[in-house]
């Protein structure tokens, strides 16, 4: 075994867990899920069947990741944030065949207590503020907050707010990386 699992965690059969991954107290990793290398799965986390987590994904305490969710490398899922996987759930109606896919792209961060309504794509390096309710696609590098979530700006790969000059150029205050804003999309250029 090349990963760590706390003795109180439950790991079903047919699970693929990458080297260096840590699974903490009272977490349950269900069958046919795949966790990449160097992930950190906090306390009381449930990872449902067929969920895919890339490398270096950080899942904080009390998060349930339901079937249909795919997180690429370097994603951060804040404490008690929520995914859904069915648009109109009913206890008396079996909708397992209707699970929708939710993709969280590389480097995105989702804040504490945020809710991600299923079927949406969270763009690369997007930043979802604490408590936000995401009901539609979020572009790469977007900063969204509120209920329903609205975009209020752009962030760098390091998570700092970007400010753009008249030519559409912005610089990350921490890394010095350069970005271009063009046609309401942001790309890193240096």
C-alpha atoms as a PDB file:
ATOM      1  CA  UNK A   1       0.000   0.000   0.000  1.00  0.00           C
ATOM      2  CA  UNK A   2       1.607   3.263  -1.133  1.00  0.00           C
ATOM      3  CA  UNK A   3      -0.984   5.587   0.431  1.00  0.00           C
ATOM      4  CA  UNK A   4      -2.138   6.267   4.017  1.00  0.00           C
ATOM      5  CA  UNK A   5      -5.652   5.453   5.259  1.00  0.00           C
ATOM      6  CA  UNK A   6      -6.664   6.125   8.855  1.00  0.00           C
ATOM      7  CA  UNK A   7      -7.978   2.934  10.534  1.00  0.00           C
ATOM      8  CA  UNK A   8     -11.466   4.486  10.885  1.00  0.00           C
ATOM      9  CA  UNK A   9     -11.778   5.072   7.122  1.00  0.00           C
ATOM     10  CA  UNK A  10     -13.579   2.605   4.853  1.00  0.00           C
ATOM     11  CA  UNK A  11     -12.188   1.784   1.418  1.00  0.00           C
ATOM     12  CA  UNK A  12     -14.333  -0.447  -0.780  1.00  0.00           C
ATOM     13  CA  UNK A  13     -12.966  -2.951  -3.269  1.00  0.00           C
ATOM     14  CA  UNK A  14     -12.040  -1.911  -6.809  1.00  0.00           C
ATOM     15  CA  UNK A  15     -10.711   1.515  -5.815  1.00  0.00           C
ATOM     16  CA  UNK A  16      -7.601   3.015  -7.405  1.00  0.00           C
ATOM     17  CA  UNK A  17      -5.636   5.241  -4.982  1.00  0.00           C
ATOM     18  CA  UNK A  18      -2.440   7.010  -6.057  1.00  0.00           C
ATOM     19  CA  UNK A  19       0.894   7.058  -4.273  1.00  0.00           C
ATOM     20  CA  UNK A  20       1.220   9.523  -1.409  1.00  0.00           C
ATOM     21  CA  UNK A  21      -2.525  10.072  -0.972  1.00  0.00           C
ATOM     22  CA  UNK A  22      -3.796  10.453   2.621  1.00  0.00           C
ATOM     23  CA  UNK A  23      -7.307   9.482   3.746  1.00  0.00           C
ATOM     24  CA  UNK A  24      -8.300  10.696   7.200  1.00  0.00           C
ATOM     25  CA  UNK A  25     -10.812   9.797   9.942  1.00  0.00           C
ATOM     26  CA  UNK A  26     -14.283   8.438   9.149  1.00  0.00           C
ATOM     27  CA  UNK A  27     -14.012   8.825   5.362  1.00  0.00           C
ATOM     28  CA  UNK A  28     -15.550   6.365   2.900  1.00  0.00           C
ATOM     29  CA  UNK A  29     -14.082   5.740  -0.561  1.00  0.00           C
ATOM     30  CA  UNK A  30     -16.592   3.767  -2.636  1.00  0.00           C
ATOM     31  CA  UNK A  31     -16.011   1.228  -5.407  1.00  0.00           C
ATOM     32  CA  UNK A  32     -14.836   2.153  -8.902  1.00  0.00           C
ATOM     33  CA  UNK A  33     -13.556   5.562  -7.756  1.00  0.00           C
ATOM     34  CA  UNK A  34     -10.121   6.801  -8.697  1.00  0.00           C
ATOM     35  CA  UNK A  35      -7.932   9.092  -6.579  1.00  0.00           C
ATOM     36  CA  UNK A  36      -4.696  10.443  -8.026  1.00  0.00           C
ATOM     37  CA  UNK A  37      -1.300  10.851  -6.394  1.00  0.00           C
ATOM     38  CA  UNK A  38      -0.703  13.088  -3.370  1.00  0.00           C
ATOM     39  CA  UNK A  39      -4.381  13.803  -2.664  1.00  0.00           C
ATOM     40  CA  UNK A  40      -5.508  14.727   0.847  1.00  0.00           C
ATOM     41  CA  UNK A  41      -8.958  13.492   1.858  1.00  0.00           C
ATOM     42  CA  UNK A  42     -10.101  15.144   5.104  1.00  0.00           C
ATOM     43  CA  UNK A  43     -12.311  13.797   7.887  1.00  0.00           C
ATOM     44  CA  UNK A  44     -15.859  12.611   7.193  1.00  0.00           C
ATOM     45  CA  UNK A  45     -15.541  12.669   3.394  1.00  0.00           C
ATOM     46  CA  UNK A  46     -17.611  10.416   1.126  1.00  0.00           C
ATOM     47  CA  UNK A  47     -16.375   9.670  -2.379  1.00  0.00           C
ATOM     48  CA  UNK A  48     -19.131   7.900  -4.315  1.00  0.00           C
ATOM     49  CA  UNK A  49     -18.690   5.228  -6.994  1.00  0.00           C
ATOM     50  CA  UNK A  50     -16.953   6.248 -10.231  1.00  0.00           C
ATOM     51  CA  UNK A  51     -15.766   9.632  -8.961  1.00  0.00           C
ATOM     52  CA  UNK A  52     -12.420  10.675 -10.439  1.00  0.00           C
ATOM     53  CA  UNK A  53      -9.937  12.909  -8.613  1.00  0.00           C
ATOM     54  CA  UNK A  54      -6.709  13.987 -10.318  1.00  0.00           C
ATOM     55  CA  UNK A  55      -3.343  14.432  -8.628  1.00  0.00           C
ATOM     56  CA  UNK A  56      -2.875  16.734  -5.625  1.00  0.00           C
ATOM     57  CA  UNK A  57      -6.604  17.262  -4.989  1.00  0.00           C
ATOM     58  CA  UNK A  58      -7.308  18.629  -1.506  1.00  0.00           C
ATOM     59  CA  UNK A  59     -10.706  17.683  -0.056  1.00  0.00           C
ATOM     60  CA  UNK A  60     -11.453  19.352   3.268  1.00  0.00           C
ATOM     61  CA  UNK A  61     -13.653  17.934   6.050  1.00  0.00           C
ATOM     62  CA  UNK A  62     -17.335  17.028   5.561  1.00  0.00           C
ATOM     63  CA  UNK A  63     -17.438  16.939   1.741  1.00  0.00           C
ATOM     64  CA  UNK A  64     -19.483  14.422  -0.257  1.00  0.00           C
ATOM     65  CA  UNK A  65     -18.368  13.925  -3.847  1.00  0.00           C
ATOM     66  CA  UNK A  66     -21.153  12.206  -5.763  1.00  0.00           C
ATOM     67  CA  UNK A  67     -21.116   9.984  -8.836  1.00  0.00           C
ATOM     68  CA  UNK A  68     -20.685  12.147 -11.923  1.00  0.00           C
ATOM     69  CA  UNK A  69     -18.063  14.479 -10.429  1.00  0.00           C
ATOM     70  CA  UNK A  70     -14.612  14.692 -12.000  1.00  0.00           C
ATOM     71  CA  UNK A  71     -11.913  16.908 -10.459  1.00  0.00           C
ATOM     72  CA  UNK A  72      -8.734  17.509 -12.438  1.00  0.00           C
ATOM     73  CA  UNK A  73      -5.278  18.038 -10.871  1.00  0.00           C
ATOM     74  CA  UNK A  74      -4.676  20.588  -8.086  1.00  0.00           C
ATOM     75  CA  UNK A  75      -8.354  21.191  -7.235  1.00  0.00           C
ATOM     76  CA  UNK A  76      -9.232  22.485  -3.743  1.00  0.00           C
ATOM     77  CA  UNK A  77     -12.627  21.578  -2.228  1.00  0.00           C
ATOM     78  CA  UNK A  78     -13.321  23.656   0.888  1.00  0.00           C
ATOM     79  CA  UNK A  79     -14.899  22.451   4.127  1.00  0.00           C
ATOM     80  CA  UNK A  80     -18.527  21.313   3.843  1.00  0.00           C
ATOM     81  CA  UNK A  81     -18.893  22.359   0.202  1.00  0.00           C
ATOM     82  CA  UNK A  82     -21.615  20.443  -1.681  1.00  0.00           C
ATOM     83  CA  UNK A  83     -21.974  18.782  -5.073  1.00  0.00           C
ATOM     84  CA  UNK A  84     -25.304  17.610  -6.487  1.00  0.00           C
ATOM     85  CA  UNK A  85     -25.789  15.013  -9.233  1.00  0.00           C
ATOM     86  CA  UNK A  86     -29.521  15.074 -10.090  1.00  0.00           C
ATOM     87  CA  UNK A  87     -31.533  18.158 -11.083  1.00  0.00           C
ATOM     88  CA  UNK A  88     -34.858  17.113  -9.563  1.00  0.00           C
ATOM     89  CA  UNK A  89     -34.280  14.534  -6.798  1.00  0.00           C
ATOM     90  CA  UNK A  90     -37.213  12.694  -5.238  1.00  0.00           C
ATOM     91  CA  UNK A  91     -36.946  10.064  -2.548  1.00  0.00           C
ATOM     92  CA  UNK A  92     -39.613   7.861  -4.180  1.00  0.00           C
ATOM     93  CA  UNK A  93     -38.194   8.175  -7.732  1.00  0.00           C
ATOM     94  CA  UNK A  94     -34.994   6.349  -8.731  1.00  0.00           C
ATOM     95  CA  UNK A  95     -32.977   8.722 -10.920  1.00  0.00           C
ATOM     96  CA  UNK A  96     -29.616   6.926 -10.910  1.00  0.00           C
ATOM     97  CA  UNK A  97     -29.721   6.830 -14.716  1.00  0.00           C
ATOM     98  CA  UNK A  98     -29.990  10.636 -14.735  1.00  0.00           C
ATOM     99  CA  UNK A  99     -26.775  11.525 -12.874  1.00  0.00           C
ATOM    100  CA  UNK A 100     -25.182  14.538 -14.518  1.00  0.00           C
ATOM    101  CA  UNK A 101     -21.473  15.126 -14.994  1.00  0.00           C
ATOM    102  CA  UNK A 102     -19.804  17.995 -13.179  1.00  0.00           C
ATOM    103  CA  UNK A 103     -16.246  18.841 -14.194  1.00  0.00           C
ATOM    104  CA  UNK A 104     -13.928  20.866 -11.964  1.00  0.00           C
ATOM    105  CA  UNK A 105     -10.914  21.820 -14.046  1.00  0.00           C
ATOM    106  CA  UNK A 106      -7.253  22.063 -13.073  1.00  0.00           C
ATOM    107  CA  UNK A 107      -6.370  24.377 -10.213  1.00  0.00           C
ATOM    108  CA  UNK A 108      -9.916  25.503  -9.363  1.00  0.00           C
ATOM    109  CA  UNK A 109     -10.818  26.293  -5.741  1.00  0.00           C
ATOM    110  CA  UNK A 110     -14.292  25.933  -4.235  1.00  0.00           C
ATOM    111  CA  UNK A 111     -14.813  27.732  -0.932  1.00  0.00           C
ATOM    112  CA  UNK A 112     -16.362  26.480   2.304  1.00  0.00           C
ATOM    113  CA  UNK A 113     -20.103  25.744   2.196  1.00  0.00           C
ATOM    114  CA  UNK A 114     -20.401  26.485  -1.531  1.00  0.00           C
ATOM    115  CA  UNK A 115     -22.907  24.460  -3.571  1.00  0.00           C
ATOM    116  CA  UNK A 116     -22.226  23.305  -7.122  1.00  0.00           C
ATOM    117  CA  UNK A 117     -25.411  22.420  -9.005  1.00  0.00           C
ATOM    118  CA  UNK A 118     -24.731  19.420 -11.244  1.00  0.00           C
ATOM    119  CA  UNK A 119     -24.035  19.550 -14.947  1.00  0.00           C
ATOM    120  CA  UNK A 120     -21.759  22.575 -14.837  1.00  0.00           C
ATOM    121  CA  UNK A 121     -18.084  23.043 -15.664  1.00  0.00           C
ATOM    122  CA  UNK A 122     -15.898  24.968 -13.235  1.00  0.00           C
ATOM    123  CA  UNK A 123     -13.065  26.458 -15.292  1.00  0.00           C
ATOM    124  CA  UNK A 124      -9.341  26.113 -14.698  1.00  0.00           C
ATOM    125  CA  UNK A 125      -8.091  28.209 -11.755  1.00  0.00           C
ATOM    126  CA  UNK A 126     -11.594  29.573 -11.118  1.00  0.00           C
ATOM    127  CA  UNK A 127     -12.281  30.668  -7.549  1.00  0.00           C
ATOM    128  CA  UNK A 128     -15.720  29.980  -6.046  1.00  0.00           C
ATOM    129  CA  UNK A 129     -16.278  32.080  -2.917  1.00  0.00           C
ATOM    130  CA  UNK A 130     -17.450  30.626   0.395  1.00  0.00           C
ATOM    131  CA  UNK A 131     -21.194  29.996   0.441  1.00  0.00           C
ATOM    132  CA  UNK A 132     -21.676  30.608  -3.294  1.00  0.00           C
ATOM    133  CA  UNK A 133     -24.354  28.645  -5.173  1.00  0.00           C
ATOM    134  CA  UNK A 134     -23.106  27.865  -8.686  1.00  0.00           C
ATOM    135  CA  UNK A 135     -25.961  27.334 -11.155  1.00  0.00           C
ATOM    136  CA  UNK A 136     -24.108  27.755 -14.454  1.00  0.00           C
ATOM    137  CA  UNK A 137     -20.704  27.285 -16.085  1.00  0.00           C
ATOM    138  CA  UNK A 138     -17.790  29.234 -14.583  1.00  0.00           C
ATOM    139  CA  UNK A 139     -15.035  30.447 -16.973  1.00  0.00           C
ATOM    140  CA  UNK A 140     -11.317  29.842 -16.466  1.00  0.00           C
ATOM    141  CA  UNK A 141      -9.810  32.262 -13.884  1.00  0.00           C
ATOM    142  CA  UNK A 142     -13.252  33.636 -12.905  1.00  0.00           C
ATOM    143  CA  UNK A 143     -14.019  34.836  -9.370  1.00  0.00           C
ATOM    144  CA  UNK A 144     -17.649  34.101  -8.467  1.00  0.00           C
ATOM    145  CA  UNK A 145     -19.570  34.778  -5.237  1.00  0.00           C
ATOM    146  CA  UNK A 146     -23.134  34.880  -3.935  1.00  0.00           C
ATOM    147  CA  UNK A 147     -26.453  33.083  -4.360  1.00  0.00           C
ATOM    148  CA  UNK A 148     -26.893  32.595  -7.215  1.00  0.00           C
ATOM    149  CA  UNK A 149     -23.174  32.930  -7.932  1.00  0.00           C
ATOM    150  CA  UNK A 150     -22.190  35.933 -10.031  1.00  0.00           C
ATOM    151  CA  UNK A 151     -18.810  36.717 -11.469  1.00  0.00           C
ATOM    152  CA  UNK A 152     -17.203  39.746  -9.825  1.00  0.00           C
ATOM    153  CA  UNK A 153     -13.716  39.548 -11.315  1.00  0.00           C
ATOM    154  CA  UNK A 154     -10.761  37.419 -12.305  1.00  0.00           C
ATOM    155  CA  UNK A 155      -7.994  35.673 -10.361  1.00  0.00           C
ATOM    156  CA  UNK A 156      -4.500  34.418 -11.130  1.00  0.00           C
ATOM    157  CA  UNK A 157      -3.253  30.843 -10.819  1.00  0.00           C
ATOM    158  CA  UNK A 158      -2.129  31.871  -7.316  1.00  0.00           C
ATOM    159  CA  UNK A 159      -5.657  33.002  -6.395  1.00  0.00           C
ATOM    160  CA  UNK A 160      -5.053  36.755  -6.347  1.00  0.00           C
ATOM    161  CA  UNK A 161      -7.484  39.248  -7.861  1.00  0.00           C
ATOM    162  CA  UNK A 162      -6.325  40.464 -11.264  1.00  0.00           C
ATOM    163  CA  UNK A 163      -6.644  44.073 -12.410  1.00  0.00           C
ATOM    164  CA  UNK A 164      -6.304  44.793 -16.120  1.00  0.00           C
ATOM    165  CA  UNK A 165      -5.015  47.921 -17.848  1.00  0.00           C
ATOM    166  CA  UNK A 166      -6.582  49.500 -20.952  1.00  0.00           C
ATOM    167  CA  UNK A 167      -4.711  47.019 -23.157  1.00  0.00           C
ATOM    168  CA  UNK A 168      -6.201  44.087 -21.230  1.00  0.00           C
ATOM    169  CA  UNK A 169      -2.965  43.140 -19.469  1.00  0.00           C
ATOM    170  CA  UNK A 170      -2.818  42.100 -15.806  1.00  0.00           C
ATOM    171  CA  UNK A 171      -0.104  40.816 -13.461  1.00  0.00           C
ATOM    172  CA  UNK A 172      -0.377  38.519 -10.436  1.00  0.00           C
ATOM    173  CA  UNK A 173       0.891  40.390  -7.368  1.00  0.00           C
ATOM    174  CA  UNK A 174       2.529  37.252  -5.905  1.00  0.00           C
ATOM    175  CA  UNK A 175       3.961  35.330  -8.858  1.00  0.00           C
ATOM    176  CA  UNK A 176       4.492  38.085 -11.424  1.00  0.00           C
ATOM    177  CA  UNK A 177       2.680  35.928 -13.996  1.00  0.00           C
ATOM    178  CA  UNK A 178       1.110  37.956 -16.801  1.00  0.00           C
ATOM    179  CA  UNK A 179      -2.454  37.567 -18.071  1.00  0.00           C
ATOM    180  CA  UNK A 180      -4.509  38.931 -20.959  1.00  0.00           C
ATOM    181  CA  UNK A 181      -8.234  39.734 -20.840  1.00  0.00           C
ATOM    182  CA  UNK A 182      -9.768  39.532 -24.308  1.00  0.00           C
ATOM    183  CA  UNK A 183     -13.413  39.002 -25.315  1.00  0.00           C
ATOM    184  CA  UNK A 184     -14.355  38.340 -21.670  1.00  0.00           C
ATOM    185  CA  UNK A 185     -11.844  35.474 -21.344  1.00  0.00           C
ATOM    186  CA  UNK A 186      -8.544  35.404 -19.458  1.00  0.00           C
ATOM    187  CA  UNK A 187      -5.393  33.597 -20.583  1.00  0.00           C
ATOM    188  CA  UNK A 188      -2.006  33.421 -18.936  1.00  0.00           C
ATOM    189  CA  UNK A 189       0.617  34.767 -21.325  1.00  0.00           C
ATOM    190  CA  UNK A 190       3.843  34.623 -19.200  1.00  0.00           C
END
